[in-house]
Amino acid sequence: MRLSARVDYALRAVVELASSSGDDARPVTAEQLAHAQAIPPKFLESILLQLRRGGVVNAQRGPEGGYWLARPATEISLADVIRVIDGPLANVRGHRPESLGYQGAAQALQEVWIALRASEREILDLVKIADVANADLPDRVRDLAADPAAWV
């Protein structure tokens, strides 16, 4: 699986917002997010705009302005953020796997790509932003990550 820098930064920024939220939480500035996660500030601004347009974060301008999650962190999956930033989870040369038309000996590759997408969805839809922010990942994720072969 390949994730773009935009997705990596977006996920880190959203997790940072989740860890900053609470009953008395104030909006977090882009500068604070950039500093906390070592993200280039100008790059982060464009990512936050995408996240706002995608309904993941809200924004307020002004001296008391900043960003906050548009929904509870328990309702935002990693897949939600990835889809807002990069589109569908799995594609082959820009096409959805089910729309491919392989011929001959390569025909079974389509099923492989569809299975890969299903596997990605299983994990990325399961893990919520709150899980990451609280370092409390689902057992399924912990079990997969506990396998030494997963690290190489």
Protein backbone atom coordinates (compact mmCIF):
# COMPACT_ATOMS: atom_id res chain seq x y z
CA MET A 1 0.00 0.00 0.00
CA ARG A 2 1.22 3.46 -0.87
CA LEU A 3 0.05 6.59 0.89
CA SER A 4 0.87 10.04 -0.39
CA ALA A 5 2.52 12.69 1.77
CA ARG A 6 -0.81 14.58 1.62
CA VAL A 7 -2.63 11.63 3.19
CA ASP A 8 0.05 11.12 5.83
CA TYR A 9 -0.06 14.80 6.79
CA ALA A 10 -3.87 14.87 6.71
CA LEU A 11 -4.14 11.86 9.02
CA ARG A 12 -1.58 13.30 11.43
CA ALA A 13 -3.36 16.68 11.49
CA VAL A 14 -6.77 15.10 12.10
CA VAL A 15 -5.37 12.88 14.88
CA GLU A 16 -3.76 15.98 16.43
CA LEU A 17 -7.13 17.76 16.32
CA ALA A 18 -8.75 14.75 17.97
CA SER A 19 -6.21 14.81 20.78
CA SER A 20 -6.86 18.54 21.25
CA SER A 21 -10.64 18.21 21.41
CA GLY A 22 -12.57 18.12 24.62
CA ASP A 23 -15.35 19.90 26.42
CA ASP A 24 -13.38 23.13 26.77
CA ALA A 25 -11.39 22.78 23.54
CA ARG A 26 -10.68 25.82 21.42
CA PRO A 27 -10.01 25.80 17.70
CA VAL A 28 -6.44 24.81 16.84
CA THR A 29 -4.56 27.01 14.39
CA ALA A 30 -2.88 25.63 11.31
CA GLU A 31 0.40 26.87 12.72
CA GLN A 32 -0.10 24.88 15.92
CA LEU A 33 -0.95 21.74 13.94
CA ALA A 34 2.02 22.22 11.62
CA HIS A 35 4.38 22.66 14.56
CA ALA A 36 2.97 19.75 16.57
CA GLN A 37 3.30 17.30 13.67
CA ALA A 38 6.28 18.81 11.79
CA ILE A 39 4.20 19.43 8.67
CA PRO A 40 5.16 22.20 6.21
CA PRO A 41 2.67 25.00 7.05
CA LYS A 42 1.72 26.03 3.48
CA PHE A 43 1.19 22.40 2.51
CA LEU A 44 -0.98 21.89 5.59
CA GLU A 45 -3.16 24.89 4.72
CA SER A 46 -4.18 23.31 1.41
CA ILE A 47 -4.78 19.95 3.11
CA LEU A 48 -6.99 21.58 5.76
CA LEU A 49 -9.00 23.25 2.99
CA GLN A 50 -9.61 19.83 1.41
CA LEU A 51 -10.58 18.39 4.79
CA ARG A 52 -12.99 21.26 5.39
CA ARG A 53 -14.59 20.83 1.97
CA GLY A 54 -14.80 17.09 2.61
CA GLY A 55 -16.66 17.58 5.89
CA VAL A 56 -13.91 16.25 8.16
CA VAL A 57 -12.99 19.54 9.85
CA ASN A 58 -14.63 22.87 10.50
CA ALA A 59 -12.85 26.19 10.41
CA GLN A 60 -13.29 29.63 11.92
CA ARG A 61 -11.40 32.77 10.92
CA GLY A 62 -10.23 35.52 13.19
CA PRO A 63 -8.16 35.87 16.34
CA GLU A 64 -10.04 33.03 18.04
CA GLY A 65 -10.07 31.02 14.82
CA GLY A 66 -8.66 27.68 13.89
CA TYR A 67 -9.80 24.17 13.10
CA TRP A 68 -11.74 21.45 14.90
CA LEU A 69 -13.28 18.12 13.93
CA ALA A 70 -16.63 18.34 12.16
CA ARG A 71 -17.76 15.07 13.77
CA PRO A 72 -16.69 13.13 16.84
CA ALA A 73 -13.34 11.38 16.34
CA THR A 74 -15.11 8.07 17.05
CA GLU A 75 -17.13 8.59 13.84
CA ILE A 76 -14.25 9.45 11.47
CA SER A 77 -12.36 6.50 10.02
CA LEU A 78 -8.90 6.58 8.51
CA ALA A 79 -10.59 5.65 5.22
CA ASP A 80 -12.81 8.76 5.43
CA VAL A 81 -9.74 11.01 5.54
CA ILE A 82 -7.91 9.10 2.81
CA ARG A 83 -10.91 9.28 0.49
CA VAL A 84 -11.24 13.05 0.99
CA ILE A 85 -7.58 13.62 0.18
CA ASP A 86 -6.77 11.01 -2.48
CA GLY A 87 -10.10 9.57 -3.63
CA PRO A 88 -10.94 5.86 -3.74
CA LEU A 89 -8.82 3.54 -1.62
CA ALA A 90 -7.63 1.23 -4.37
CA ASN A 91 -7.34 1.83 -8.05
CA VAL A 92 -5.25 0.51 -10.89
CA ARG A 93 -3.94 3.16 -13.25
CA GLY A 94 -6.72 5.46 -12.06
CA HIS A 95 -9.53 2.94 -12.57
CA ARG A 96 -11.64 1.09 -10.04
CA PRO A 97 -10.73 -2.62 -9.98
CA GLU A 98 -14.22 -3.77 -10.96
CA SER A 99 -14.05 -1.74 -14.18
CA LEU A 100 -10.88 -3.42 -15.45
CA GLY A 101 -11.06 -5.95 -18.23
CA TYR A 102 -8.08 -8.28 -18.15
CA GLN A 103 -7.77 -10.96 -20.79
CA GLY A 104 -6.25 -14.41 -20.93
CA ALA A 105 -3.79 -15.51 -18.27
CA ALA A 106 -4.01 -12.16 -16.44
CA GLN A 107 -7.79 -12.33 -15.98
CA ALA A 108 -7.55 -13.39 -12.31
CA LEU A 109 -5.64 -10.19 -11.45
CA GLN A 110 -8.94 -8.33 -11.27
CA GLU A 111 -10.02 -10.53 -8.35
CA VAL A 112 -6.67 -9.93 -6.65
CA TRP A 113 -7.14 -6.12 -6.88
CA ILE A 114 -10.71 -6.38 -5.59
CA ALA A 115 -9.56 -8.57 -2.67
CA LEU A 116 -6.76 -6.10 -1.93
CA ARG A 117 -9.24 -3.23 -1.83
CA ALA A 118 -11.54 -5.23 0.47
CA SER A 119 -8.60 -5.92 2.79
CA GLU A 120 -7.62 -2.25 2.88
CA ARG A 121 -11.21 -1.25 3.57
CA GLU A 122 -11.47 -3.77 6.40
CA ILE A 123 -8.67 -2.08 8.32
CA LEU A 124 -9.04 1.55 7.24
CA ASP A 125 -12.81 1.65 7.85
CA LEU A 126 -12.39 -0.17 11.17
CA VAL A 127 -9.79 2.21 12.64
CA LYS A 128 -11.23 5.50 13.83
CA ILE A 129 -9.34 8.72 14.43
CA ALA A 130 -10.11 8.37 18.15
CA ASP A 131 -8.44 4.94 18.18
CA VAL A 132 -5.20 6.43 16.91
CA ALA A 133 -5.38 9.55 19.10
CA ASN A 134 -5.91 7.38 22.18
CA ALA A 135 -3.39 4.71 21.09
CA ASP A 136 -6.19 2.19 21.52
CA LEU A 137 -6.23 0.32 18.23
CA PRO A 138 -8.77 -2.43 17.51
CA ASP A 139 -7.65 -5.97 18.36
CA ARG A 140 -7.66 -6.95 14.67
CA VAL A 141 -5.07 -4.25 13.94
CA ARG A 142 -2.95 -5.10 16.98
CA ASP A 143 -2.98 -8.79 16.01
CA LEU A 144 -1.83 -8.05 12.46
CA ALA A 145 0.87 -5.63 13.67
CA ALA A 146 2.09 -8.15 16.28
CA ASP A 147 3.21 -10.53 13.53
CA PRO A 148 6.95 -9.93 12.96
CA ALA A 149 6.47 -10.69 9.26
CA ALA A 150 4.23 -7.61 8.99
CA TRP A 151 7.20 -5.36 9.77
CA VAL A 152 9.38 -6.47 6.86
